[in-house]
N, C-alpha and C. Protein backbone atom coordinates (compact mmCIF):
# COMPACT_ATOMS: atom_id res chain seq x y z
N GLN A 1 -2.20 -11.85 -5.28
CA GLN A 1 -3.09 -11.62 -4.18
C GLN A 1 -2.84 -10.22 -3.62
N VAL A 2 -3.90 -9.65 -3.09
CA VAL A 2 -3.84 -8.32 -2.52
C VAL A 2 -3.97 -8.43 -1.01
N GLN A 3 -3.05 -7.80 -0.30
CA GLN A 3 -3.08 -7.78 1.16
C GLN A 3 -3.08 -6.35 1.65
N LEU A 4 -3.87 -6.09 2.68
CA LEU A 4 -3.98 -4.78 3.27
C LEU A 4 -3.72 -4.90 4.77
N VAL A 5 -2.91 -4.00 5.29
CA VAL A 5 -2.57 -4.02 6.71
C VAL A 5 -2.73 -2.62 7.28
N GLU A 6 -3.65 -2.48 8.24
CA GLU A 6 -3.88 -1.20 8.89
C GLU A 6 -2.94 -1.02 10.07
N SER A 7 -2.64 0.24 10.37
CA SER A 7 -1.85 0.57 11.54
C SER A 7 -2.20 1.98 11.99
N GLY A 8 -1.77 2.33 13.19
CA GLY A 8 -1.96 3.68 13.68
C GLY A 8 -3.05 3.85 14.71
N GLY A 9 -3.79 2.79 14.98
CA GLY A 9 -4.83 2.89 15.98
C GLY A 9 -4.27 3.01 17.38
N GLY A 10 -5.14 3.31 18.33
CA GLY A 10 -4.71 3.44 19.70
C GLY A 10 -5.74 4.15 20.54
N LEU A 11 -5.32 4.54 21.72
CA LEU A 11 -6.18 5.25 22.67
C LEU A 11 -5.89 6.74 22.59
N VAL A 12 -6.95 7.53 22.46
CA VAL A 12 -6.80 8.97 22.36
C VAL A 12 -7.94 9.64 23.14
N GLN A 13 -7.67 10.81 23.69
CA GLN A 13 -8.69 11.55 24.41
C GLN A 13 -9.64 12.26 23.46
N PRO A 14 -10.87 12.51 23.88
CA PRO A 14 -11.79 13.28 23.04
C PRO A 14 -11.15 14.60 22.62
N GLY A 15 -11.35 14.95 21.35
CA GLY A 15 -10.75 16.14 20.80
C GLY A 15 -9.38 15.92 20.20
N GLY A 16 -8.81 14.76 20.43
CA GLY A 16 -7.50 14.45 19.92
C GLY A 16 -7.52 13.97 18.48
N SER A 17 -6.35 13.58 18.00
CA SER A 17 -6.19 13.17 16.61
C SER A 17 -5.42 11.87 16.51
N LEU A 18 -5.71 11.13 15.47
CA LEU A 18 -4.97 9.94 15.10
C LEU A 18 -4.88 9.88 13.59
N ARG A 19 -3.82 9.28 13.10
CA ARG A 19 -3.67 9.06 11.67
C ARG A 19 -3.52 7.56 11.44
N LEU A 20 -4.48 6.99 10.74
CA LEU A 20 -4.44 5.59 10.38
C LEU A 20 -3.79 5.43 9.02
N SER A 21 -3.08 4.33 8.86
CA SER A 21 -2.44 4.04 7.59
C SER A 21 -2.78 2.63 7.16
N CYS A 22 -2.88 2.43 5.87
CA CYS A 22 -3.15 1.12 5.30
C CYS A 22 -2.09 0.84 4.26
N ALA A 23 -1.25 -0.14 4.52
CA ALA A 23 -0.21 -0.55 3.59
C ALA A 23 -0.72 -1.71 2.76
N THR A 24 -0.49 -1.65 1.47
CA THR A 24 -0.98 -2.69 0.58
C THR A 24 0.17 -3.37 -0.15
N SER A 25 -0.08 -4.60 -0.57
CA SER A 25 0.88 -5.34 -1.37
C SER A 25 0.12 -6.26 -2.31
N GLY A 26 0.76 -6.59 -3.43
CA GLY A 26 0.09 -7.40 -4.43
C GLY A 26 -0.87 -6.57 -5.26
N GLY A 27 -1.23 -7.07 -6.41
CA GLY A 27 -2.15 -6.35 -7.26
C GLY A 27 -1.55 -5.05 -7.76
N THR A 28 -2.41 -4.22 -8.30
CA THR A 28 -2.02 -2.90 -8.76
C THR A 28 -2.80 -1.88 -7.95
N PHE A 29 -2.13 -1.27 -6.99
CA PHE A 29 -2.80 -0.40 -6.04
C PHE A 29 -3.59 0.70 -6.71
N SER A 30 -3.01 1.31 -7.73
CA SER A 30 -3.66 2.45 -8.37
C SER A 30 -4.94 2.07 -9.12
N SER A 31 -5.18 0.79 -9.31
CA SER A 31 -6.39 0.35 -9.99
C SER A 31 -7.59 0.20 -9.05
N TYR A 32 -7.35 0.36 -7.75
CA TYR A 32 -8.41 0.15 -6.77
C TYR A 32 -8.92 1.45 -6.17
N ASN A 33 -10.24 1.51 -6.07
CA ASN A 33 -10.84 2.49 -5.19
C ASN A 33 -10.62 2.00 -3.77
N MET A 34 -10.36 2.92 -2.85
CA MET A 34 -10.08 2.54 -1.48
C MET A 34 -11.11 3.13 -0.54
N GLY A 35 -11.36 2.41 0.53
CA GLY A 35 -12.32 2.88 1.50
C GLY A 35 -11.91 2.57 2.92
N TRP A 36 -12.48 3.30 3.84
CA TRP A 36 -12.36 3.03 5.27
C TRP A 36 -13.75 2.78 5.83
N PHE A 37 -13.85 1.73 6.62
CA PHE A 37 -15.07 1.39 7.34
C PHE A 37 -14.73 1.22 8.81
N ARG A 38 -15.75 1.26 9.64
CA ARG A 38 -15.53 1.03 11.07
C ARG A 38 -16.68 0.23 11.64
N GLN A 39 -16.37 -0.49 12.70
CA GLN A 39 -17.38 -1.31 13.36
C GLN A 39 -17.18 -1.24 14.86
N ALA A 40 -18.15 -0.68 15.54
CA ALA A 40 -18.14 -0.63 16.99
C ALA A 40 -18.70 -1.93 17.54
N LEU A 41 -18.36 -2.25 18.78
CA LEU A 41 -18.85 -3.47 19.41
C LEU A 41 -20.37 -3.49 19.40
N GLY A 42 -20.92 -4.58 18.92
CA GLY A 42 -22.36 -4.76 18.90
C GLY A 42 -23.09 -4.00 17.82
N LYS A 43 -22.36 -3.36 16.92
CA LYS A 43 -23.00 -2.58 15.87
C LYS A 43 -22.56 -3.05 14.49
N GLU A 44 -23.29 -2.61 13.48
CA GLU A 44 -22.99 -2.96 12.10
C GLU A 44 -21.77 -2.20 11.61
N ARG A 45 -21.07 -2.79 10.65
CA ARG A 45 -19.97 -2.11 10.01
C ARG A 45 -20.52 -0.94 9.19
N GLU A 46 -19.92 0.23 9.34
CA GLU A 46 -20.42 1.40 8.66
C GLU A 46 -19.34 2.09 7.83
N PHE A 47 -19.79 2.72 6.78
CA PHE A 47 -18.93 3.46 5.88
C PHE A 47 -18.36 4.69 6.57
N VAL A 48 -17.08 4.96 6.31
CA VAL A 48 -16.43 6.15 6.84
C VAL A 48 -16.01 7.09 5.72
N ALA A 49 -15.22 6.58 4.77
CA ALA A 49 -14.70 7.42 3.71
C ALA A 49 -14.23 6.56 2.55
N THR A 50 -14.19 7.16 1.37
CA THR A 50 -13.66 6.47 0.20
C THR A 50 -12.92 7.46 -0.68
N ILE A 51 -11.99 6.95 -1.46
CA ILE A 51 -11.18 7.76 -2.34
C ILE A 51 -11.01 7.04 -3.67
N SER A 52 -11.04 7.80 -4.75
CA SER A 52 -10.96 7.22 -6.08
C SER A 52 -9.54 6.77 -6.41
N ARG A 53 -9.42 6.09 -7.55
CA ARG A 53 -8.13 5.53 -7.95
C ARG A 53 -7.01 6.57 -8.02
N SER A 54 -7.32 7.72 -8.56
CA SER A 54 -6.33 8.77 -8.70
C SER A 54 -6.21 9.64 -7.45
N GLY A 55 -7.16 9.51 -6.55
CA GLY A 55 -7.20 10.37 -5.39
C GLY A 55 -7.96 11.67 -5.62
N GLY A 56 -8.53 11.82 -6.81
CA GLY A 56 -9.19 13.06 -7.16
C GLY A 56 -10.57 13.26 -6.58
N SER A 57 -11.20 12.17 -6.13
CA SER A 57 -12.54 12.26 -5.58
C SER A 57 -12.58 11.57 -4.23
N THR A 58 -13.19 12.23 -3.27
CA THR A 58 -13.37 11.66 -1.94
C THR A 58 -14.80 11.83 -1.48
N HIS A 59 -15.25 10.92 -0.63
CA HIS A 59 -16.59 10.96 -0.08
C HIS A 59 -16.53 10.52 1.37
N TYR A 60 -17.36 11.13 2.20
CA TYR A 60 -17.33 10.87 3.63
C TYR A 60 -18.72 10.63 4.18
N ALA A 61 -18.77 9.82 5.22
CA ALA A 61 -20.00 9.70 5.97
C ALA A 61 -20.29 11.03 6.66
N ASN A 62 -21.56 11.35 6.80
CA ASN A 62 -21.93 12.61 7.43
C ASN A 62 -21.37 12.72 8.85
N SER A 63 -21.24 11.61 9.52
CA SER A 63 -20.79 11.62 10.90
C SER A 63 -19.33 12.04 11.06
N VAL A 64 -18.55 11.94 9.99
CA VAL A 64 -17.13 12.29 10.08
C VAL A 64 -16.75 13.45 9.18
N LYS A 65 -17.66 13.90 8.37
CA LYS A 65 -17.39 14.99 7.43
C LYS A 65 -16.89 16.23 8.16
N GLY A 66 -15.80 16.78 7.68
CA GLY A 66 -15.21 17.95 8.30
C GLY A 66 -14.21 17.63 9.38
N ARG A 67 -14.16 16.38 9.82
CA ARG A 67 -13.22 15.96 10.86
C ARG A 67 -12.17 14.98 10.34
N PHE A 68 -12.58 14.12 9.42
CA PHE A 68 -11.68 13.10 8.88
C PHE A 68 -11.28 13.45 7.45
N THR A 69 -10.08 13.03 7.06
CA THR A 69 -9.60 13.22 5.71
C THR A 69 -8.96 11.94 5.21
N ILE A 70 -9.43 11.45 4.08
CA ILE A 70 -8.82 10.28 3.46
C ILE A 70 -7.87 10.73 2.37
N SER A 71 -6.76 10.03 2.24
CA SER A 71 -5.78 10.36 1.21
C SER A 71 -5.09 9.08 0.76
N ARG A 72 -4.43 9.15 -0.37
CA ARG A 72 -3.67 7.99 -0.84
C ARG A 72 -2.39 8.44 -1.49
N ASP A 73 -1.41 7.56 -1.45
CA ASP A 73 -0.13 7.80 -2.08
C ASP A 73 0.14 6.59 -2.96
N ASN A 74 -0.14 6.73 -4.24
CA ASN A 74 -0.02 5.60 -5.15
C ASN A 74 1.44 5.17 -5.36
N ALA A 75 2.36 6.09 -5.13
CA ALA A 75 3.78 5.74 -5.23
C ALA A 75 4.21 4.82 -4.10
N LYS A 76 3.57 4.96 -2.94
CA LYS A 76 3.90 4.15 -1.78
C LYS A 76 2.88 3.04 -1.52
N ASN A 77 1.85 2.98 -2.34
CA ASN A 77 0.81 1.96 -2.20
C ASN A 77 0.15 2.02 -0.82
N THR A 78 -0.16 3.22 -0.38
CA THR A 78 -0.77 3.39 0.92
C THR A 78 -1.98 4.30 0.85
N VAL A 79 -2.87 4.12 1.79
CA VAL A 79 -4.01 5.01 1.98
C VAL A 79 -4.05 5.37 3.45
N ALA A 80 -4.41 6.61 3.75
CA ALA A 80 -4.42 7.08 5.12
C ALA A 80 -5.76 7.68 5.48
N LEU A 81 -6.02 7.73 6.77
CA LEU A 81 -7.21 8.39 7.29
C LEU A 81 -6.76 9.27 8.45
N GLN A 82 -6.77 10.57 8.22
CA GLN A 82 -6.46 11.53 9.27
C GLN A 82 -7.74 11.82 10.04
N MET A 83 -7.70 11.59 11.33
CA MET A 83 -8.88 11.70 12.18
C MET A 83 -8.63 12.80 13.21
N ASN A 84 -9.37 13.89 13.10
CA ASN A 84 -9.25 15.01 14.01
C ASN A 84 -10.53 15.20 14.81
N SER A 85 -10.43 15.94 15.89
CA SER A 85 -11.59 16.24 16.74
C SER A 85 -12.35 14.98 17.09
N LEU A 86 -11.63 13.98 17.53
CA LEU A 86 -12.22 12.68 17.79
C LEU A 86 -13.22 12.72 18.94
N LYS A 87 -14.26 11.93 18.79
CA LYS A 87 -15.34 11.83 19.75
C LYS A 87 -15.43 10.40 20.28
N PRO A 88 -15.98 10.21 21.47
CA PRO A 88 -16.15 8.85 21.97
C PRO A 88 -16.91 7.94 21.01
N GLU A 89 -17.86 8.48 20.27
CA GLU A 89 -18.62 7.68 19.33
C GLU A 89 -17.81 7.24 18.11
N ASP A 90 -16.59 7.74 17.97
CA ASP A 90 -15.69 7.27 16.92
C ASP A 90 -14.99 5.97 17.31
N THR A 91 -15.14 5.55 18.55
CA THR A 91 -14.51 4.33 19.02
C THR A 91 -15.02 3.14 18.21
N ALA A 92 -14.10 2.42 17.59
CA ALA A 92 -14.46 1.29 16.73
C ALA A 92 -13.21 0.62 16.22
N GLU A 93 -13.40 -0.53 15.61
CA GLU A 93 -12.36 -1.16 14.83
C GLU A 93 -12.44 -0.58 13.43
N TYR A 94 -11.33 -0.06 12.93
CA TYR A 94 -11.31 0.57 11.62
C TYR A 94 -10.66 -0.34 10.59
N TYR A 95 -11.32 -0.47 9.45
CA TYR A 95 -10.88 -1.38 8.40
C TYR A 95 -10.61 -0.64 7.10
N CYS A 96 -9.54 -1.00 6.46
CA CYS A 96 -9.20 -0.53 5.13
C CYS A 96 -9.71 -1.54 4.11
N ALA A 97 -10.22 -1.04 2.99
CA ALA A 97 -10.77 -1.92 1.97
C ALA A 97 -10.42 -1.43 0.58
N ALA A 98 -10.33 -2.37 -0.36
CA ALA A 98 -10.03 -2.06 -1.76
C ALA A 98 -11.04 -2.74 -2.66
N GLY A 99 -11.44 -2.06 -3.73
CA GLY A 99 -12.39 -2.65 -4.64
C GLY A 99 -12.53 -1.90 -5.94
N PRO A 100 -13.34 -2.43 -6.85
CA PRO A 100 -13.48 -1.87 -8.19
C PRO A 100 -14.51 -0.76 -8.32
N THR A 101 -15.33 -0.56 -7.30
CA THR A 101 -16.44 0.37 -7.41
C THR A 101 -16.06 1.76 -6.95
N PRO A 102 -16.22 2.76 -7.82
CA PRO A 102 -15.97 4.13 -7.37
C PRO A 102 -17.06 4.60 -6.43
N ALA A 103 -16.68 5.41 -5.48
CA ALA A 103 -17.62 5.96 -4.50
C ALA A 103 -18.45 4.87 -3.85
N GLY A 104 -17.80 3.80 -3.44
CA GLY A 104 -18.48 2.70 -2.80
C GLY A 104 -18.80 3.00 -1.35
N TYR A 105 -20.08 2.95 -1.01
CA TYR A 105 -20.52 3.30 0.33
C TYR A 105 -20.89 2.11 1.20
N VAL A 106 -20.91 0.92 0.62
CA VAL A 106 -21.28 -0.26 1.38
C VAL A 106 -20.17 -1.30 1.28
N ALA A 107 -20.06 -2.12 2.31
CA ALA A 107 -18.97 -3.07 2.40
C ALA A 107 -18.95 -4.06 1.25
N SER A 108 -20.12 -4.44 0.74
CA SER A 108 -20.19 -5.43 -0.32
C SER A 108 -19.58 -4.96 -1.63
N GLN A 109 -19.31 -3.69 -1.76
CA GLN A 109 -18.71 -3.15 -2.97
C GLN A 109 -17.18 -3.27 -2.97
N TYR A 110 -16.61 -3.78 -1.90
CA TYR A 110 -15.16 -3.92 -1.78
C TYR A 110 -14.76 -5.38 -1.78
N THR A 111 -13.63 -5.65 -2.38
CA THR A 111 -13.17 -7.01 -2.58
C THR A 111 -12.16 -7.46 -1.52
N TYR A 112 -11.26 -6.58 -1.14
CA TYR A 112 -10.19 -6.92 -0.22
C TYR A 112 -10.27 -6.09 1.04
N TRP A 113 -9.93 -6.71 2.16
CA TRP A 113 -10.04 -6.08 3.47
C TRP A 113 -8.81 -6.32 4.31
N GLY A 114 -8.47 -5.33 5.11
CA GLY A 114 -7.42 -5.49 6.08
C GLY A 114 -7.94 -6.14 7.34
N GLN A 115 -7.06 -6.34 8.30
CA GLN A 115 -7.42 -7.03 9.55
C GLN A 115 -8.05 -6.11 10.58
N GLY A 116 -7.94 -4.82 10.38
CA GLY A 116 -8.51 -3.85 11.29
C GLY A 116 -7.52 -3.32 12.30
N THR A 117 -7.77 -2.11 12.76
CA THR A 117 -6.99 -1.50 13.83
C THR A 117 -7.94 -0.79 14.78
N GLN A 118 -7.73 -0.96 16.07
CA GLN A 118 -8.66 -0.45 17.06
C GLN A 118 -8.38 1.02 17.37
N VAL A 119 -9.44 1.80 17.37
CA VAL A 119 -9.39 3.20 17.79
C VAL A 119 -10.32 3.36 18.98
N THR A 120 -9.78 3.83 20.08
CA THR A 120 -10.57 4.06 21.28
C THR A 120 -10.44 5.51 21.70
N VAL A 121 -11.56 6.19 21.78
CA VAL A 121 -11.60 7.60 22.17
C VAL A 121 -12.26 7.67 23.54
N SER A 122 -11.49 7.99 24.54
CA SER A 122 -11.99 7.97 25.90
C SER A 122 -11.18 8.90 26.78
N SER A 123 -11.86 9.51 27.75
CA SER A 123 -11.20 10.35 28.73
C SER A 123 -10.78 9.56 29.96
C-alpha cells in the first residue's frame, strides 16, 4: 500500500513563503508521477503542479507559475512544493497525490492521495 503524508502548512502573511513536504511509504516512489492539488472552502479541487518520475519534467497551473516550485527526492521518497510570493487566493487545503499518468492535470489521473495540509495566507 502507498501512503502519503503532507506537512509544512500554516499561516503566512501575503508575500511570504512556505515549503510543503509530502512523505511517502509503500510502493515504489520513483515509479509514480507526483502532483499537488489544492481546494479552497466551497470550491473545486484544482491542479497546482506535477513532476515526472525522474523529476525531469514539471508543469504548473498558470495561477502559480513563477511563484511555486515542485521538486522530488527519490532517495528520500519525498516531494516538495516551495511556495513563494504567497497571495490570499492561495489559501486552501493542499494535497499531495501519486499516480501513473505523466503530466496529470486532473485529480482523476492520480491513484493515491494524502490527507492534506492547510495553507492560510492572511494579513
